[in-house]
Amino acid sequence: MSQENINLTVLGLDIAFKPGADMERVQRAVRLVEERFADQKLRSHGGQSKDILLTFLALGLADDLLQSKKRLGDVQNRINSLLSKIEESV
């Protein structure tokens, strides 16, 4: 039994999602993207393009990735420090 993809329209583009995707979460994300794009469009008096939106999104994702890597490095350092302390006490 094959399940069909679920299609949504985001900023005028049809996007297919695999069955099993958390559609409530996807729909919240779609609304957020469309709201942010509309806000940017209003601020720029209609001159905002999807390319600029994609650039902002890419920068946001890159920033999130860099912050996540930093937090991961901090956690790894704490774990290594704790392991050293444990080894010293044995």
PDB file of N, CA and C in Angstrom:
ATOM      1  N   MET A   1       0.846  -1.168   0.000  1.00  0.00           N
ATOM      2  CA  MET A   1       0.000   0.000   0.000  1.00  0.00           C
ATOM      3  C   MET A   1       0.894   1.234   0.000  1.00  0.00           C
ATOM      4  N   SER A   2       0.860   2.016  -1.059  1.00  0.00           N
ATOM      5  CA  SER A   2       1.705   3.205  -1.135  1.00  0.00           C
ATOM      6  C   SER A   2       0.920   4.424  -0.679  1.00  0.00           C
ATOM      7  N   GLN A   3       1.623   5.281   0.041  1.00  0.00           N
ATOM      8  CA  GLN A   3       1.010   6.523   0.490  1.00  0.00           C
ATOM      9  C   GLN A   3       1.482   7.636  -0.417  1.00  0.00           C
ATOM     10  N   GLU A   4       0.593   8.558  -0.708  1.00  0.00           N
ATOM     11  CA  GLU A   4       0.947   9.656  -1.585  1.00  0.00           C
ATOM     12  C   GLU A   4       1.501  10.815  -0.781  1.00  0.00           C
ATOM     13  N   ASN A   5       2.333  11.617  -1.454  1.00  0.00           N
ATOM     14  CA  ASN A   5       2.872  12.823  -0.823  1.00  0.00           C
ATOM     15  C   ASN A   5       1.739  13.803  -0.516  1.00  0.00           C
ATOM     16  N   ILE A   6       1.983  14.643   0.461  1.00  0.00           N
ATOM     17  CA  ILE A   6       1.045  15.697   0.815  1.00  0.00           C
ATOM     18  C   ILE A   6       1.578  16.985   0.204  1.00  0.00           C
ATOM     19  N   ASN A   7       0.752  17.668  -0.563  1.00  0.00           N
ATOM     20  CA  ASN A   7       1.184  18.891  -1.250  1.00  0.00           C
ATOM     21  C   ASN A   7       0.664  20.129  -0.536  1.00  0.00           C
ATOM     22  N   LEU A   8       1.539  21.102  -0.363  1.00  0.00           N
ATOM     23  CA  LEU A   8       1.179  22.407   0.177  1.00  0.00           C
ATOM     24  C   LEU A   8       1.732  23.472  -0.748  1.00  0.00           C
ATOM     25  N   THR A   9       1.099  24.625  -0.741  1.00  0.00           N
ATOM     26  CA  THR A   9       1.602  25.758  -1.512  1.00  0.00           C
ATOM     27  C   THR A   9       2.246  26.733  -0.540  1.00  0.00           C
ATOM     28  N   VAL A  10       3.516  27.060  -0.816  1.00  0.00           N
ATOM     29  CA  VAL A  10       4.279  27.988   0.019  1.00  0.00           C
ATOM     30  C   VAL A  10       4.787  29.100  -0.888  1.00  0.00           C
ATOM     31  N   LEU A  11       4.356  30.311  -0.624  1.00  0.00           N
ATOM     32  CA  LEU A  11       4.739  31.477  -1.424  1.00  0.00           C
ATOM     33  C   LEU A  11       4.528  31.231  -2.919  1.00  0.00           C
ATOM     34  N   GLY A  12       3.418  30.568  -3.229  1.00  0.00           N
ATOM     35  CA  GLY A  12       3.077  30.327  -4.628  1.00  0.00           C
ATOM     36  C   GLY A  12       3.737  29.107  -5.241  1.00  0.00           C
ATOM     37  N   LEU A  13       4.555  28.399  -4.489  1.00  0.00           N
ATOM     38  CA  LEU A  13       5.226  27.200  -5.009  1.00  0.00           C
ATOM     39  C   LEU A  13       4.610  25.953  -4.382  1.00  0.00           C
ATOM     40  N   ASP A  14       4.334  24.938  -5.204  1.00  0.00           N
ATOM     41  CA  ASP A  14       3.821  23.673  -4.676  1.00  0.00           C
ATOM     42  C   ASP A  14       4.972  22.839  -4.150  1.00  0.00           C
ATOM     43  N   ILE A  15       4.844  22.413  -2.901  1.00  0.00           N
ATOM     44  CA  ILE A  15       5.874  21.628  -2.238  1.00  0.00           C
ATOM     45  C   ILE A  15       5.256  20.310  -1.794  1.00  0.00           C
ATOM     46  N   ALA A  16       5.935  19.198  -2.077  1.00  0.00           N
ATOM     47  CA  ALA A  16       5.443  17.881  -1.681  1.00  0.00           C
ATOM     48  C   ALA A  16       6.152  17.428  -0.412  1.00  0.00           C
ATOM     49  N   PHE A  17       5.380  16.926   0.536  1.00  0.00           N
ATOM     50  CA  PHE A  17       5.919  16.391   1.776  1.00  0.00           C
ATOM     51  C   PHE A  17       5.605  14.906   1.839  1.00  0.00           C
ATOM     52  N   LYS A  18       6.543  14.153   2.369  1.00  0.00           N
ATOM     53  CA  LYS A  18       6.354  12.709   2.485  1.00  0.00           C
ATOM     54  C   LYS A  18       5.310  12.393   3.547  1.00  0.00           C
ATOM     55  N   PRO A  19       4.588  11.293   3.348  1.00  0.00           N
ATOM     56  CA  PRO A  19       3.646  10.864   4.377  1.00  0.00           C
ATOM     57  C   PRO A  19       4.405  10.646   5.686  1.00  0.00           C
ATOM     58  N   GLY A  20       3.762  10.961   6.777  1.00  0.00           N
ATOM     59  CA  GLY A  20       4.413  10.791   8.069  1.00  0.00           C
ATOM     60  C   GLY A  20       5.036  12.069   8.586  1.00  0.00           C
ATOM     61  N   ALA A  21       5.136  13.091   7.733  1.00  0.00           N
ATOM     62  CA  ALA A  21       5.665  14.376   8.192  1.00  0.00           C
ATOM     63  C   ALA A  21       4.680  14.964   9.191  1.00  0.00           C
ATOM     64  N   ASP A  22       5.206  15.655  10.186  1.00  0.00           N
ATOM     65  CA  ASP A  22       4.361  16.309  11.182  1.00  0.00           C
ATOM     66  C   ASP A  22       3.712  17.515  10.506  1.00  0.00           C
ATOM     67  N   MET A  23       2.529  17.299   9.943  1.00  0.00           N
ATOM     68  CA  MET A  23       1.906  18.333   9.119  1.00  0.00           C
ATOM     69  C   MET A  23       1.493  19.557   9.930  1.00  0.00           C
ATOM     70  N   GLU A  24       1.159  19.383  11.176  1.00  0.00           N
ATOM     71  CA  GLU A  24       0.843  20.558  12.002  1.00  0.00           C
ATOM     72  C   GLU A  24       2.076  21.444  12.127  1.00  0.00           C
ATOM     73  N   ARG A  25       3.213  20.826  12.338  1.00  0.00           N
ATOM     74  CA  ARG A  25       4.471  21.576  12.436  1.00  0.00           C
ATOM     75  C   ARG A  25       4.814  22.224  11.091  1.00  0.00           C
ATOM     76  N   VAL A  26       4.631  21.489  10.008  1.00  0.00           N
ATOM     77  CA  VAL A  26       4.907  22.014   8.675  1.00  0.00           C
ATOM     78  C   VAL A  26       4.004  23.209   8.385  1.00  0.00           C
ATOM     79  N   GLN A  27       2.720  23.099   8.720  1.00  0.00           N
ATOM     80  CA  GLN A  27       1.786  24.189   8.449  1.00  0.00           C
ATOM     81  C   GLN A  27       2.113  25.431   9.286  1.00  0.00           C
ATOM     82  N   ARG A  28       2.572  25.237  10.530  1.00  0.00           N
ATOM     83  CA  ARG A  28       3.001  26.386  11.341  1.00  0.00           C
ATOM     84  C   ARG A  28       4.203  27.057  10.695  1.00  0.00           C
ATOM     85  N   ALA A  29       5.127  26.254  10.186  1.00  0.00           N
ATOM     86  CA  ALA A  29       6.318  26.802   9.527  1.00  0.00           C
ATOM     87  C   ALA A  29       5.929  27.554   8.252  1.00  0.00           C
ATOM     88  N   VAL A  30       4.998  26.999   7.487  1.00  0.00           N
ATOM     89  CA  VAL A  30       4.528  27.653   6.263  1.00  0.00           C
ATOM     90  C   VAL A  30       3.914  29.009   6.610  1.00  0.00           C
ATOM     91  N   ARG A  31       3.058  29.039   7.628  1.00  0.00           N
ATOM     92  CA  ARG A  31       2.442  30.310   8.025  1.00  0.00           C
ATOM     93  C   ARG A  31       3.498  31.326   8.442  1.00  0.00           C
ATOM     94  N   LEU A  32       4.501  30.877   9.196  1.00  0.00           N
ATOM     95  CA  LEU A  32       5.559  31.786   9.639  1.00  0.00           C
ATOM     96  C   LEU A  32       6.327  32.358   8.449  1.00  0.00           C
ATOM     97  N   VAL A  33       6.702  31.507   7.500  1.00  0.00           N
ATOM     98  CA  VAL A  33       7.438  31.973   6.309  1.00  0.00           C
ATOM     99  C   VAL A  33       6.588  32.969   5.530  1.00  0.00           C
ATOM    100  N   GLU A  34       5.315  32.653   5.337  1.00  0.00           N
ATOM    101  CA  GLU A  34       4.460  33.553   4.571  1.00  0.00           C
ATOM    102  C   GLU A  34       4.234  34.876   5.305  1.00  0.00           C
ATOM    103  N   GLU A  35       4.082  34.825   6.632  1.00  0.00           N
ATOM    104  CA  GLU A  35       3.915  36.060   7.408  1.00  0.00           C
ATOM    105  C   GLU A  35       5.176  36.922   7.340  1.00  0.00           C
ATOM    106  N   ARG A  36       6.335  36.286   7.501  1.00  0.00           N
ATOM    107  CA  ARG A  36       7.586  37.051   7.449  1.00  0.00           C
ATOM    108  C   ARG A  36       7.810  37.664   6.069  1.00  0.00           C
ATOM    109  N   PHE A  37       7.494  36.898   5.037  1.00  0.00           N
ATOM    110  CA  PHE A  37       7.651  37.423   3.683  1.00  0.00           C
ATOM    111  C   PHE A  37       6.713  38.611   3.463  1.00  0.00           C
ATOM    112  N   ALA A  38       5.468  38.484   3.927  1.00  0.00           N
ATOM    113  CA  ALA A  38       4.500  39.578   3.774  1.00  0.00           C
ATOM    114  C   ALA A  38       4.974  40.812   4.539  1.00  0.00           C
ATOM    115  N   ASP A  39       5.504  40.615   5.749  1.00  0.00           N
ATOM    116  CA  ASP A  39       6.030  41.743   6.533  1.00  0.00           C
ATOM    117  C   ASP A  39       7.172  42.432   5.799  1.00  0.00           C
ATOM    118  N   GLN A  40       8.100  41.648   5.277  1.00  0.00           N
ATOM    119  CA  GLN A  40       9.232  42.215   4.549  1.00  0.00           C
ATOM    120  C   GLN A  40       8.756  42.953   3.298  1.00  0.00           C
ATOM    121  N   LYS A  41       7.767  42.384   2.637  1.00  0.00           N
ATOM    122  CA  LYS A  41       7.239  42.995   1.416  1.00  0.00           C
ATOM    123  C   LYS A  41       6.608  44.353   1.731  1.00  0.00           C
ATOM    124  N   LEU A  42       5.873  44.414   2.852  1.00  0.00           N
ATOM    125  CA  LEU A  42       5.265  45.687   3.254  1.00  0.00           C
ATOM    126  C   LEU A  42       6.322  46.728   3.581  1.00  0.00           C
ATOM    127  N   ARG A  43       7.359  46.311   4.295  1.00  0.00           N
ATOM    128  CA  ARG A  43       8.423  47.243   4.679  1.00  0.00           C
ATOM    129  C   ARG A  43       9.175  47.795   3.478  1.00  0.00           C
ATOM    130  N   SER A  44       9.300  46.958   2.461  1.00  0.00           N
ATOM    131  CA  SER A  44      10.058  47.399   1.279  1.00  0.00           C
ATOM    132  C   SER A  44       9.131  47.936   0.182  1.00  0.00           C
ATOM    133  N   HIS A  45       7.855  48.137   0.535  1.00  0.00           N
ATOM    134  CA  HIS A  45       6.863  48.683  -0.399  1.00  0.00           C
ATOM    135  C   HIS A  45       6.746  47.832  -1.661  1.00  0.00           C
ATOM    136  N   GLY A  46       6.744  46.509  -1.457  1.00  0.00           N
ATOM    137  CA  GLY A  46       6.544  45.587  -2.565  1.00  0.00           C
ATOM    138  C   GLY A  46       7.798  45.216  -3.318  1.00  0.00           C
ATOM    139  N   GLY A  47       8.938  45.795  -2.956  1.00  0.00           N
ATOM    140  CA  GLY A  47      10.173  45.530  -3.679  1.00  0.00           C
ATOM    141  C   GLY A  47      10.926  44.300  -3.204  1.00  0.00           C
ATOM    142  N   GLN A  48      10.412  43.629  -2.183  1.00  0.00           N
ATOM    143  CA  GLN A  48      11.095  42.461  -1.629  1.00  0.00           C
ATOM    144  C   GLN A  48      10.890  41.259  -2.549  1.00  0.00           C
ATOM    145  N   SER A  49      11.970  40.614  -2.929  1.00  0.00           N
ATOM    146  CA  SER A  49      11.841  39.446  -3.802  1.00  0.00           C
ATOM    147  C   SER A  49      12.039  38.171  -2.994  1.00  0.00           C
ATOM    148  N   LYS A  50      11.631  37.066  -3.580  1.00  0.00           N
ATOM    149  CA  LYS A  50      11.823  35.771  -2.927  1.00  0.00           C
ATOM    150  C   LYS A  50      13.310  35.453  -2.790  1.00  0.00           C
ATOM    151  N   ASP A  51      14.128  35.967  -3.695  1.00  0.00           N
ATOM    152  CA  ASP A  51      15.571  35.743  -3.597  1.00  0.00           C
ATOM    153  C   ASP A  51      16.133  36.361  -2.321  1.00  0.00           C
ATOM    154  N   ILE A  52      15.657  37.550  -1.992  1.00  0.00           N
ATOM    155  CA  ILE A  52      16.132  38.199  -0.763  1.00  0.00           C
ATOM    156  C   ILE A  52      15.647  37.418   0.446  1.00  0.00           C
ATOM    157  N   LEU A  53      14.395  36.954   0.415  1.00  0.00           N
ATOM    158  CA  LEU A  53      13.875  36.144   1.511  1.00  0.00           C
ATOM    159  C   LEU A  53      14.719  34.885   1.676  1.00  0.00           C
ATOM    160  N   LEU A  54      15.047  34.221   0.578  1.00  0.00           N
ATOM    161  CA  LEU A  54      15.866  33.014   0.648  1.00  0.00           C
ATOM    162  C   LEU A  54      17.253  33.314   1.217  1.00  0.00           C
ATOM    163  N   THR A  55      17.788  34.483   0.882  1.00  0.00           N
ATOM    164  CA  THR A  55      19.087  34.876   1.418  1.00  0.00           C
ATOM    165  C   THR A  55      19.001  35.069   2.929  1.00  0.00           C
ATOM    166  N   PHE A  56      17.948  35.748   3.402  1.00  0.00           N
ATOM    167  CA  PHE A  56      17.754  35.921   4.841  1.00  0.00           C
ATOM    168  C   PHE A  56      17.595  34.562   5.533  1.00  0.00           C
ATOM    169  N   LEU A  57      16.828  33.678   4.914  1.00  0.00           N
ATOM    170  CA  LEU A  57      16.632  32.350   5.496  1.00  0.00           C
ATOM    171  C   LEU A  57      17.945  31.578   5.550  1.00  0.00           C
ATOM    172  N   ALA A  58      18.732  31.661   4.480  1.00  0.00           N
ATOM    173  CA  ALA A  58      20.020  30.969   4.459  1.00  0.00           C
ATOM    174  C   ALA A  58      20.946  31.519   5.543  1.00  0.00           C
ATOM    175  N   LEU A  59      20.954  32.835   5.709  1.00  0.00           N
ATOM    176  CA  LEU A  59      21.775  33.437   6.766  1.00  0.00           C
ATOM    177  C   LEU A  59      21.293  32.992   8.143  1.00  0.00           C
ATOM    178  N   GLY A  60      19.989  32.944   8.333  1.00  0.00           N
ATOM    179  CA  GLY A  60      19.439  32.484   9.617  1.00  0.00           C
ATOM    180  C   GLY A  60      19.816  31.042   9.898  1.00  0.00           C
ATOM    181  N   LEU A  61      19.726  30.189   8.894  1.00  0.00           N
ATOM    182  CA  LEU A  61      20.104  28.784   9.060  1.00  0.00           C
ATOM    183  C   LEU A  61      21.597  28.634   9.342  1.00  0.00           C
ATOM    184  N   ALA A  62      22.407  29.422   8.634  1.00  0.00           N
ATOM    185  CA  ALA A  62      23.855  29.366   8.860  1.00  0.00           C
ATOM    186  C   ALA A  62      24.185  29.805  10.287  1.00  0.00           C
ATOM    187  N   ASP A  63      23.534  30.858  10.756  1.00  0.00           N
ATOM    188  CA  ASP A  63      23.752  31.325  12.116  1.00  0.00           C
ATOM    189  C   ASP A  63      23.328  30.256  13.125  1.00  0.00           C
ATOM    190  N   ASP A  64      22.167  29.638  12.913  1.00  0.00           N
ATOM    191  CA  ASP A  64      21.712  28.562  13.802  1.00  0.00           C
ATOM    192  C   ASP A  64      22.710  27.416  13.832  1.00  0.00           C
ATOM    193  N   LEU A  65      23.235  27.043  12.664  1.00  0.00           N
ATOM    194  CA  LEU A  65      24.218  25.967  12.590  1.00  0.00           C
ATOM    195  C   LEU A  65      25.488  26.315  13.350  1.00  0.00           C
ATOM    196  N   LEU A  66      25.979  27.535  13.161  1.00  0.00           N
ATOM    197  CA  LEU A  66      27.198  27.959  13.872  1.00  0.00           C
ATOM    198  C   LEU A  66      26.978  27.969  15.388  1.00  0.00           C
ATOM    199  N   GLN A  67      25.824  28.447  15.826  1.00  0.00           N
ATOM    200  CA  GLN A  67      25.527  28.475  17.257  1.00  0.00           C
ATOM    201  C   GLN A  67      25.403  27.050  17.810  1.00  0.00           C
ATOM    202  N   SER A  68      24.784  26.166  17.049  1.00  0.00           N
ATOM    203  CA  SER A  68      24.654  24.768  17.480  1.00  0.00           C
ATOM    204  C   SER A  68      26.020  24.096  17.592  1.00  0.00           C
ATOM    205  N   LYS A  69      26.897  24.365  16.628  1.00  0.00           N
ATOM    206  CA  LYS A  69      28.253  23.796  16.681  1.00  0.00           C
ATOM    207  C   LYS A  69      29.004  24.310  17.894  1.00  0.00           C
ATOM    208  N   LYS A  70      28.835  25.594  18.220  1.00  0.00           N
ATOM    209  CA  LYS A  70      29.499  26.172  19.379  1.00  0.00           C
ATOM    210  C   LYS A  70      28.987  25.512  20.657  1.00  0.00           C
ATOM    211  N   ARG A  71      27.662  25.371  20.769  1.00  0.00           N
ATOM    212  CA  ARG A  71      27.088  24.724  21.964  1.00  0.00           C
ATOM    213  C   ARG A  71      27.554  23.273  22.064  1.00  0.00           C
ATOM    214  N   LEU A  72      27.628  22.573  20.939  1.00  0.00           N
ATOM    215  CA  LEU A  72      28.104  21.195  20.940  1.00  0.00           C
ATOM    216  C   LEU A  72      29.547  21.135  21.422  1.00  0.00           C
ATOM    217  N   GLY A  73      30.381  22.056  20.931  1.00  0.00           N
ATOM    218  CA  GLY A  73      31.774  22.106  21.384  1.00  0.00           C
ATOM    219  C   GLY A  73      31.870  22.365  22.879  1.00  0.00           C
ATOM    220  N   ASP A  74      31.027  23.270  23.395  1.00  0.00           N
ATOM    221  CA  ASP A  74      31.014  23.553  24.836  1.00  0.00           C
ATOM    222  C   ASP A  74      30.615  22.313  25.634  1.00  0.00           C
ATOM    223  N   VAL A  75      29.602  21.611  25.167  1.00  0.00           N
ATOM    224  CA  VAL A  75      29.151  20.392  25.850  1.00  0.00           C
ATOM    225  C   VAL A  75      30.251  19.338  25.817  1.00  0.00           C
ATOM    226  N   GLN A  76      30.904  19.173  24.673  1.00  0.00           N
ATOM    227  CA  GLN A  76      31.983  18.186  24.571  1.00  0.00           C
ATOM    228  C   GLN A  76      33.127  18.535  25.519  1.00  0.00           C
ATOM    229  N   ASN A  77      33.459  19.815  25.635  1.00  0.00           N
ATOM    230  CA  ASN A  77      34.512  20.231  26.559  1.00  0.00           C
ATOM    231  C   ASN A  77      34.133  19.925  28.004  1.00  0.00           C
ATOM    232  N   ARG A  78      32.878  20.176  28.371  1.00  0.00           N
ATOM    233  CA  ARG A  78      32.427  19.867  29.738  1.00  0.00           C
ATOM    234  C   ARG A  78      32.471  18.375  30.008  1.00  0.00           C
ATOM    235  N   ILE A  79      32.064  17.589  29.034  1.00  0.00           N
ATOM    236  CA  ILE A  79      32.093  16.127  29.193  1.00  0.00           C
ATOM    237  C   ILE A  79      33.532  15.650  29.361  1.00  0.00           C
ATOM    238  N   ASN A  80      34.433  16.158  28.527  1.00  0.00           N
ATOM    239  CA  ASN A  80      35.841  15.766  28.635  1.00  0.00           C
ATOM    240  C   ASN A  80      36.417  16.162  29.988  1.00  0.00           C
ATOM    241  N   SER A  81      36.041  17.324  30.484  1.00  0.00           N
ATOM    242  CA  SER A  81      36.508  17.778  31.794  1.00  0.00           C
ATOM    243  C   SER A  81      35.994  16.858  32.893  1.00  0.00           C
ATOM    244  N   LEU A  82      34.733  16.496  32.814  1.00  0.00           N
ATOM    245  CA  LEU A  82      34.169  15.577  33.811  1.00  0.00           C
ATOM    246  C   LEU A  82      34.825  14.201  33.736  1.00  0.00           C
ATOM    247  N   LEU A  83      35.068  13.720  32.537  1.00  0.00           N
ATOM    248  CA  LEU A  83      35.735  12.427  32.388  1.00  0.00           C
ATOM    249  C   LEU A  83      37.142  12.457  32.970  1.00  0.00           C
ATOM    250  N   SER A  84      37.841  13.553  32.774  1.00  0.00           N
ATOM    251  CA  SER A  84      39.190  13.693  33.351  1.00  0.00           C
ATOM    252  C   SER A  84      39.122  13.653  34.864  1.00  0.00           C
ATOM    253  N   LYS A  85      38.170  14.359  35.439  1.00  0.00           N
ATOM    254  CA  LYS A  85      38.012  14.368  36.893  1.00  0.00           C
ATOM    255  C   LYS A  85      37.691  12.981  37.430  1.00  0.00           C
ATOM    256  N   ILE A  86      36.818  12.271  36.703  1.00  0.00           N
ATOM    257  CA  ILE A  86      36.455  10.909  37.102  1.00  0.00           C
ATOM    258  C   ILE A  86      37.683   9.999  37.049  1.00  0.00           C
ATOM    259  N   GLU A  87      38.464  10.094  35.981  1.00  0.00           N
ATOM    260  CA  GLU A  87      39.673   9.271  35.828  1.00  0.00           C
ATOM    261  C   GLU A  87      40.703   9.583  36.901  1.00  0.00           C
ATOM    262  N   GLU A  88      40.821  10.871  37.276  1.00  0.00           N
ATOM    263  CA  GLU A  88      41.770  11.255  38.318  1.00  0.00           C
ATOM    264  C   GLU A  88      41.366  10.722  39.673  1.00  0.00           C
ATOM    265  N   SER A  89      40.087  10.596  39.922  1.00  0.00           N
ATOM    266  CA  SER A  89      39.617  10.151  41.230  1.00  0.00           C
ATOM    267  C   SER A  89      39.656   8.629  41.384  1.00  0.00           C
ATOM    268  N   VAL A  90      39.871   7.907  40.308  1.00  0.00           N
ATOM    269  CA  VAL A  90      39.875   6.437  40.359  1.00  0.00           C
ATOM    270  C   VAL A  90      41.219   5.906  40.760  1.00  0.00           C
TER     271      VAL A  90
END
